Amino acid sequence: MFTGLVQAVGIVTELEGYVLTVDAPESWRHEDRLAVGESVAVNGCCLTTLREGELVFELSPETFARTAFESISKGSVVNLERAMRASDRFGGHIVQGHVDTVGKLLAASEKDGFWVYHFQLDPEFDRYLIDKGSIALDGISLTIVEPDQGQFSVWLIPHTMECTNMRALHPGEEVNVEFDVLAKHVEKLLAAKSGE
């Protein structure tokens, strides 16, 4: 489980077939050495490390089909977060690293030192877009603003722009999207109850 608070940004050094290699700051990789089999959220997608101390992952065909990894390449900037410990602070929201869909950045603008990013999803997902609700975009815990028929905005503070891959995102590019897991559970429970 993750919190949506990005711990570091990395650079894709290789994507060959289904193997992804990412370079990250050494201080982040070795502060508590990465173990083989450890879970790391890469752009919000939970992946498993293949080598000790290195960010090398296998991406299944299912992962490619459900994420925006299809559009990344060598040199792409990616967000990184290690799985939280039971003793960690819960600063964002519950993020599982299970990508629900991809969204497209429609427009980005700066307002008084802050940035407003406007995204588009398939309208079928509009039911998960709650004004002031939580959403994870490329693994970043953000707050939904003014959702309408699959479109919504997020406001980004300077710290988020400095410490995540959002600064490298351009209109037309895609991001991984994970909706609030609590909303998905409530939806399923209510659907089951209405079918009784």
C-alpha atoms as a PDB file:
ATOM      1  CA  MET A   1       0.000   0.000   0.000  1.00  0.00           C
ATOM      2  CA  PHE A   2       1.102   3.550  -0.762  1.00  0.00           C
ATOM      3  CA  THR A   3       0.084   7.060   0.253  1.00  0.00           C
ATOM      4  CA  GLY A   4       0.438   9.028  -2.972  1.00  0.00           C
ATOM      5  CA  LEU A   5       3.296  11.113  -1.568  1.00  0.00           C
ATOM      6  CA  VAL A   6       6.078  10.893  -4.153  1.00  0.00           C
ATOM      7  CA  GLN A   7       9.440  10.199  -2.540  1.00  0.00           C
ATOM      8  CA  ALA A   8      11.684  10.670  -5.568  1.00  0.00           C
ATOM      9  CA  VAL A   9      11.637  11.079  -9.315  1.00  0.00           C
ATOM     10  CA  GLY A  10      13.576   8.740 -11.538  1.00  0.00           C
ATOM     11  CA  ILE A  11      14.607   8.619 -15.167  1.00  0.00           C
ATOM     12  CA  VAL A  12      13.808   5.666 -17.413  1.00  0.00           C
ATOM     13  CA  THR A  13      17.145   4.340 -18.661  1.00  0.00           C
ATOM     14  CA  GLU A  14      15.784   1.370 -20.561  1.00  0.00           C
ATOM     15  CA  LEU A  15      12.496  -0.182 -21.638  1.00  0.00           C
ATOM     16  CA  GLU A  16      13.260  -3.345 -23.545  1.00  0.00           C
ATOM     17  CA  GLY A  17      10.364  -5.665 -24.185  1.00  0.00           C
ATOM     18  CA  TYR A  18       8.672  -6.027 -20.821  1.00  0.00           C
ATOM     19  CA  VAL A  19      11.673  -5.003 -18.688  1.00  0.00           C
ATOM     20  CA  LEU A  20      11.771  -1.468 -17.294  1.00  0.00           C
ATOM     21  CA  THR A  21      14.925   0.022 -15.753  1.00  0.00           C
ATOM     22  CA  VAL A  22      14.827   3.295 -13.829  1.00  0.00           C
ATOM     23  CA  ASP A  23      17.655   5.385 -12.411  1.00  0.00           C
ATOM     24  CA  ALA A  24      16.873   7.169  -9.149  1.00  0.00           C
ATOM     25  CA  PRO A  25      18.878   9.291  -6.696  1.00  0.00           C
ATOM     26  CA  GLU A  26      21.401   7.045  -4.939  1.00  0.00           C
ATOM     27  CA  SER A  27      20.456   8.442  -1.523  1.00  0.00           C
ATOM     28  CA  TRP A  28      16.878   7.256  -2.087  1.00  0.00           C
ATOM     29  CA  ARG A  29      17.855   3.786  -3.343  1.00  0.00           C
ATOM     30  CA  HIS A  30      20.337   3.083  -0.563  1.00  0.00           C
ATOM     31  CA  GLU A  31      18.841   4.822   2.472  1.00  0.00           C
ATOM     32  CA  ASP A  32      17.086   1.538   3.190  1.00  0.00           C
ATOM     33  CA  ARG A  33      18.437  -0.753   0.501  1.00  0.00           C
ATOM     34  CA  LEU A  34      15.869  -2.027  -1.995  1.00  0.00           C
ATOM     35  CA  ALA A  35      15.323  -5.759  -1.673  1.00  0.00           C
ATOM     36  CA  VAL A  36      14.469  -8.249  -4.402  1.00  0.00           C
ATOM     37  CA  GLY A  37      10.684  -8.614  -4.549  1.00  0.00           C
ATOM     38  CA  GLU A  38       9.991  -5.229  -2.971  1.00  0.00           C
ATOM     39  CA  SER A  39       6.954  -3.248  -4.117  1.00  0.00           C
ATOM     40  CA  VAL A  40       7.610   0.178  -5.608  1.00  0.00           C
ATOM     41  CA  ALA A  41       5.002   2.464  -7.137  1.00  0.00           C
ATOM     42  CA  VAL A  42       6.302   3.720 -10.475  1.00  0.00           C
ATOM     43  CA  ASN A  43       3.988   6.443 -11.780  1.00  0.00           C
ATOM     44  CA  GLY A  44       1.415   5.008  -9.410  1.00  0.00           C
ATOM     45  CA  CYS A  45       1.669   1.422 -10.642  1.00  0.00           C
ATOM     46  CA  CYS A  46       2.806  -1.163  -8.097  1.00  0.00           C
ATOM     47  CA  LEU A  47       5.792  -3.022  -9.571  1.00  0.00           C
ATOM     48  CA  THR A  48       8.149  -5.646  -8.126  1.00  0.00           C
ATOM     49  CA  THR A  49      11.924  -5.175  -8.004  1.00  0.00           C
ATOM     50  CA  LEU A  50      14.009  -7.879  -9.688  1.00  0.00           C
ATOM     51  CA  ARG A  51      17.472  -6.948  -8.371  1.00  0.00           C
ATOM     52  CA  GLU A  52      18.744  -5.840  -4.998  1.00  0.00           C
ATOM     53  CA  GLY A  53      19.410  -2.120  -4.789  1.00  0.00           C
ATOM     54  CA  GLU A  54      18.214  -1.513  -8.364  1.00  0.00           C
ATOM     55  CA  LEU A  55      15.003  -0.352  -9.966  1.00  0.00           C
ATOM     56  CA  VAL A  56      14.498  -3.081 -12.548  1.00  0.00           C
ATOM     57  CA  PHE A  57      10.963  -4.357 -13.104  1.00  0.00           C
ATOM     58  CA  GLU A  58       9.042  -6.710 -15.357  1.00  0.00           C
ATOM     59  CA  LEU A  59       5.867  -5.277 -16.855  1.00  0.00           C
ATOM     60  CA  SER A  60       3.223  -7.810 -17.825  1.00  0.00           C
ATOM     61  CA  PRO A  61       1.081  -7.436 -20.960  1.00  0.00           C
ATOM     62  CA  GLU A  62      -1.821  -6.670 -18.579  1.00  0.00           C
ATOM     63  CA  THR A  63       0.166  -3.768 -17.102  1.00  0.00           C
ATOM     64  CA  PHE A  64       0.824  -2.337 -20.564  1.00  0.00           C
ATOM     65  CA  ALA A  65      -2.854  -2.713 -21.479  1.00  0.00           C
ATOM     66  CA  ARG A  66      -4.114  -0.813 -18.403  1.00  0.00           C
ATOM     67  CA  THR A  67      -1.494   1.908 -17.945  1.00  0.00           C
ATOM     68  CA  ALA A  68       0.246   4.780 -19.681  1.00  0.00           C
ATOM     69  CA  PHE A  69       3.558   2.863 -19.731  1.00  0.00           C
ATOM     70  CA  GLU A  70       3.011   2.287 -23.435  1.00  0.00           C
ATOM     71  CA  SER A  71       3.902   5.946 -24.001  1.00  0.00           C
ATOM     72  CA  ILE A  72       7.049   6.126 -21.854  1.00  0.00           C
ATOM     73  CA  SER A  73      10.534   5.713 -23.276  1.00  0.00           C
ATOM     74  CA  LYS A  74      14.181   6.195 -22.391  1.00  0.00           C
ATOM     75  CA  GLY A  75      14.535   9.578 -20.676  1.00  0.00           C
ATOM     76  CA  SER A  76      10.958   9.717 -19.352  1.00  0.00           C
ATOM     77  CA  VAL A  77      10.586  11.135 -15.831  1.00  0.00           C
ATOM     78  CA  VAL A  78       8.688   8.845 -13.438  1.00  0.00           C
ATOM     79  CA  ASN A  79       7.398   9.225  -9.877  1.00  0.00           C
ATOM     80  CA  LEU A  80       8.631   6.744  -7.253  1.00  0.00           C
ATOM     81  CA  GLU A  81       7.233   5.680  -3.888  1.00  0.00           C
ATOM     82  CA  ARG A  82       8.181   2.669  -1.801  1.00  0.00           C
ATOM     83  CA  ALA A  83       5.435   0.736  -0.013  1.00  0.00           C
ATOM     84  CA  MET A  84       4.593   2.282   3.331  1.00  0.00           C
ATOM     85  CA  ARG A  85       5.602   0.733   6.627  1.00  0.00           C
ATOM     86  CA  ALA A  86       2.970   0.138   9.306  1.00  0.00           C
ATOM     87  CA  SER A  87       4.656   2.866  11.382  1.00  0.00           C
ATOM     88  CA  ASP A  88       4.658   5.520   8.624  1.00  0.00           C
ATOM     89  CA  ARG A  89       2.587   8.691   8.673  1.00  0.00           C
ATOM     90  CA  PHE A  90      -0.417   8.565   6.371  1.00  0.00           C
ATOM     91  CA  GLY A  91      -0.035  11.909   4.641  1.00  0.00           C
ATOM     92  CA  GLY A  92      -1.944  11.350   1.397  1.00  0.00           C
ATOM     93  CA  HIS A  93      -4.735   8.837   0.883  1.00  0.00           C
ATOM     94  CA  ILE A  94      -4.958   5.055   0.408  1.00  0.00           C
ATOM     95  CA  VAL A  95      -3.243   4.248  -2.892  1.00  0.00           C
ATOM     96  CA  GLN A  96      -2.967   0.598  -3.864  1.00  0.00           C
ATOM     97  CA  GLY A  97      -0.849   0.975  -6.981  1.00  0.00           C
ATOM     98  CA  HIS A  98      -3.625  -0.655  -9.024  1.00  0.00           C
ATOM     99  CA  VAL A  99      -4.186   1.585 -12.044  1.00  0.00           C
ATOM    100  CA  ASP A 100      -7.860   1.878 -13.039  1.00  0.00           C
ATOM    101  CA  THR A 101      -7.488   3.733 -16.322  1.00  0.00           C
ATOM    102  CA  VAL A 102      -5.456   6.401 -18.086  1.00  0.00           C
ATOM    103  CA  GLY A 103      -6.298  10.073 -18.345  1.00  0.00           C
ATOM    104  CA  LYS A 104      -5.174  12.722 -20.791  1.00  0.00           C
ATOM    105  CA  LEU A 105      -3.917  16.185 -19.898  1.00  0.00           C
ATOM    106  CA  LEU A 106      -6.035  18.681 -21.823  1.00  0.00           C
ATOM    107  CA  ALA A 107      -4.514  21.950 -20.633  1.00  0.00           C
ATOM    108  CA  ALA A 108      -2.188  23.430 -18.029  1.00  0.00           C
ATOM    109  CA  SER A 109      -2.034  27.011 -16.811  1.00  0.00           C
ATOM    110  CA  GLU A 110      -0.258  28.990 -14.112  1.00  0.00           C
ATOM    111  CA  LYS A 111      -2.221  31.162 -11.683  1.00  0.00           C
ATOM    112  CA  ASP A 112      -0.421  33.268  -9.076  1.00  0.00           C
ATOM    113  CA  GLY A 113       2.483  30.824  -8.701  1.00  0.00           C
ATOM    114  CA  PHE A 114       0.272  27.738  -8.711  1.00  0.00           C
ATOM    115  CA  TRP A 115      -0.672  25.477 -11.608  1.00  0.00           C
ATOM    116  CA  VAL A 116      -4.045  24.189 -12.740  1.00  0.00           C
ATOM    117  CA  TYR A 117      -4.038  20.983 -14.785  1.00  0.00           C
ATOM    118  CA  HIS A 118      -7.216  19.948 -16.587  1.00  0.00           C
ATOM    119  CA  PHE A 119      -7.690  16.244 -17.405  1.00  0.00           C
ATOM    120  CA  GLN A 120     -10.060  14.094 -19.457  1.00  0.00           C
ATOM    121  CA  LEU A 121     -11.137  10.541 -18.670  1.00  0.00           C
ATOM    122  CA  ASP A 122     -13.619   8.262 -20.352  1.00  0.00           C
ATOM    123  CA  PRO A 123     -17.021   9.613 -19.154  1.00  0.00           C
ATOM    124  CA  GLU A 124     -17.897   6.146 -17.792  1.00  0.00           C
ATOM    125  CA  PHE A 125     -15.569   6.934 -14.848  1.00  0.00           C
ATOM    126  CA  ASP A 126     -17.323  10.183 -13.959  1.00  0.00           C
ATOM    127  CA  ARG A 127     -19.025   8.452 -11.004  1.00  0.00           C
ATOM    128  CA  TYR A 128     -15.654   8.274  -9.212  1.00  0.00           C
ATOM    129  CA  LEU A 129     -14.910  11.972  -9.648  1.00  0.00           C
ATOM    130  CA  ILE A 130     -16.118  13.686  -6.478  1.00  0.00           C
ATOM    131  CA  ASP A 131     -15.500  17.407  -6.013  1.00  0.00           C
ATOM    132  CA  LYS A 132     -12.792  17.734  -3.330  1.00  0.00           C
ATOM    133  CA  GLY A 133     -12.367  13.945  -3.384  1.00  0.00           C
ATOM    134  CA  SER A 134      -9.052  12.121  -3.728  1.00  0.00           C
ATOM    135  CA  ILE A 135      -7.452  10.783  -6.896  1.00  0.00           C
ATOM    136  CA  ALA A 136      -3.977   9.461  -7.712  1.00  0.00           C
ATOM    137  CA  LEU A 137      -2.431  10.710 -10.963  1.00  0.00           C
ATOM    138  CA  ASP A 138       0.864   9.013 -11.831  1.00  0.00           C
ATOM    139  CA  GLY A 139       0.932   8.045  -8.150  1.00  0.00           C
ATOM    140  CA  ILE A 140       0.451  11.580  -6.799  1.00  0.00           C
ATOM    141  CA  SER A 141      -2.309  12.041  -4.235  1.00  0.00           C
ATOM    142  CA  LEU A 142      -4.327  15.007  -5.503  1.00  0.00           C
ATOM    143  CA  THR A 143      -7.690  16.676  -4.897  1.00  0.00           C
ATOM    144  CA  ILE A 144     -10.357  16.709  -7.608  1.00  0.00           C
ATOM    145  CA  VAL A 145     -11.814  20.098  -8.533  1.00  0.00           C
ATOM    146  CA  GLU A 146     -14.942  20.775 -10.618  1.00  0.00           C
ATOM    147  CA  PRO A 147     -15.559  17.339 -12.143  1.00  0.00           C
ATOM    148  CA  ASP A 148     -17.912  17.263 -15.123  1.00  0.00           C
ATOM    149  CA  GLN A 149     -18.609  14.340 -17.462  1.00  0.00           C
ATOM    150  CA  GLY A 150     -15.167  12.799 -17.161  1.00  0.00           C
ATOM    151  CA  GLN A 151     -13.268  16.076 -17.030  1.00  0.00           C
ATOM    152  CA  PHE A 152     -11.749  17.566 -13.879  1.00  0.00           C
ATOM    153  CA  SER A 153      -8.971  19.828 -12.667  1.00  0.00           C
ATOM    154  CA  VAL A 154      -6.292  19.604 -10.006  1.00  0.00           C
ATOM    155  CA  TRP A 155      -4.350  22.461  -8.446  1.00  0.00           C
ATOM    156  CA  LEU A 156      -0.617  21.884  -8.026  1.00  0.00           C
ATOM    157  CA  ILE A 157       1.479  23.715  -5.461  1.00  0.00           C
ATOM    158  CA  PRO A 158       5.101  24.666  -6.281  1.00  0.00           C
ATOM    159  CA  HIS A 159       6.404  21.777  -4.133  1.00  0.00           C
ATOM    160  CA  THR A 160       4.442  19.239  -6.193  1.00  0.00           C
ATOM    161  CA  MET A 161       5.738  20.745  -9.431  1.00  0.00           C
ATOM    162  CA  GLU A 162       9.314  20.644  -8.154  1.00  0.00           C
ATOM    163  CA  CYS A 163       9.218  17.122  -6.713  1.00  0.00           C
ATOM    164  CA  THR A 164       7.158  15.140  -9.255  1.00  0.00           C
ATOM    165  CA  ASN A 165       6.982  14.424 -12.967  1.00  0.00           C
ATOM    166  CA  MET A 166       4.090  16.893 -13.456  1.00  0.00           C
ATOM    167  CA  ARG A 167       6.575  19.541 -14.526  1.00  0.00           C
ATOM    168  CA  ALA A 168       7.451  17.374 -17.549  1.00  0.00           C
ATOM    169  CA  LEU A 169       3.837  16.627 -18.549  1.00  0.00           C
ATOM    170  CA  HIS A 170       2.451  18.323 -21.670  1.00  0.00           C
ATOM    171  CA  PRO A 171      -1.094  18.592 -23.060  1.00  0.00           C
ATOM    172  CA  GLY A 172      -2.042  15.445 -24.951  1.00  0.00           C
ATOM    173  CA  GLU A 173       0.084  13.170 -22.766  1.00  0.00           C
ATOM    174  CA  GLU A 174      -1.398  10.441 -20.588  1.00  0.00           C
ATOM    175  CA  VAL A 175      -1.177   9.673 -16.878  1.00  0.00           C
ATOM    176  CA  ASN A 176      -2.035   6.619 -14.793  1.00  0.00           C
ATOM    177  CA  VAL A 177      -5.235   7.094 -12.806  1.00  0.00           C
ATOM    178  CA  GLU A 178      -6.301   5.317  -9.621  1.00  0.00           C
ATOM    179  CA  PHE A 179      -9.629   6.208  -8.056  1.00  0.00           C
ATOM    180  CA  ASP A 180     -10.321   6.213  -4.329  1.00  0.00           C
ATOM    181  CA  VAL A 181     -10.532   2.553  -3.268  1.00  0.00           C
ATOM    182  CA  LEU A 182     -13.199   3.394  -0.682  1.00  0.00           C
ATOM    183  CA  ALA A 183     -15.493   4.702  -3.422  1.00  0.00           C
ATOM    184  CA  LYS A 184     -15.041   1.491  -5.411  1.00  0.00           C
ATOM    185  CA  HIS A 185     -15.844  -0.708  -2.400  1.00  0.00           C
ATOM    186  CA  VAL A 186     -18.938   1.326  -1.508  1.00  0.00           C
ATOM    187  CA  GLU A 187     -20.118   1.102  -5.130  1.00  0.00           C
ATOM    188  CA  LYS A 188     -19.795  -2.695  -5.150  1.00  0.00           C
ATOM    189  CA  LEU A 189     -21.514  -3.088  -1.779  1.00  0.00           C
ATOM    190  CA  LEU A 190     -24.430  -0.892  -2.841  1.00  0.00           C
ATOM    191  CA  ALA A 191     -24.738  -2.738  -6.154  1.00  0.00           C
ATOM    192  CA  ALA A 192     -24.853  -6.071  -4.313  1.00  0.00           C
ATOM    193  CA  LYS A 193     -27.449  -4.753  -1.862  1.00  0.00           C
ATOM    194  CA  SER A 194     -29.697  -3.388  -4.616  1.00  0.00           C
ATOM    195  CA  GLY A 195     -29.562  -6.785  -6.328  1.00  0.00           C
ATOM    196  CA  GLU A 196     -30.837  -8.615  -3.216  1.00  0.00           C
END
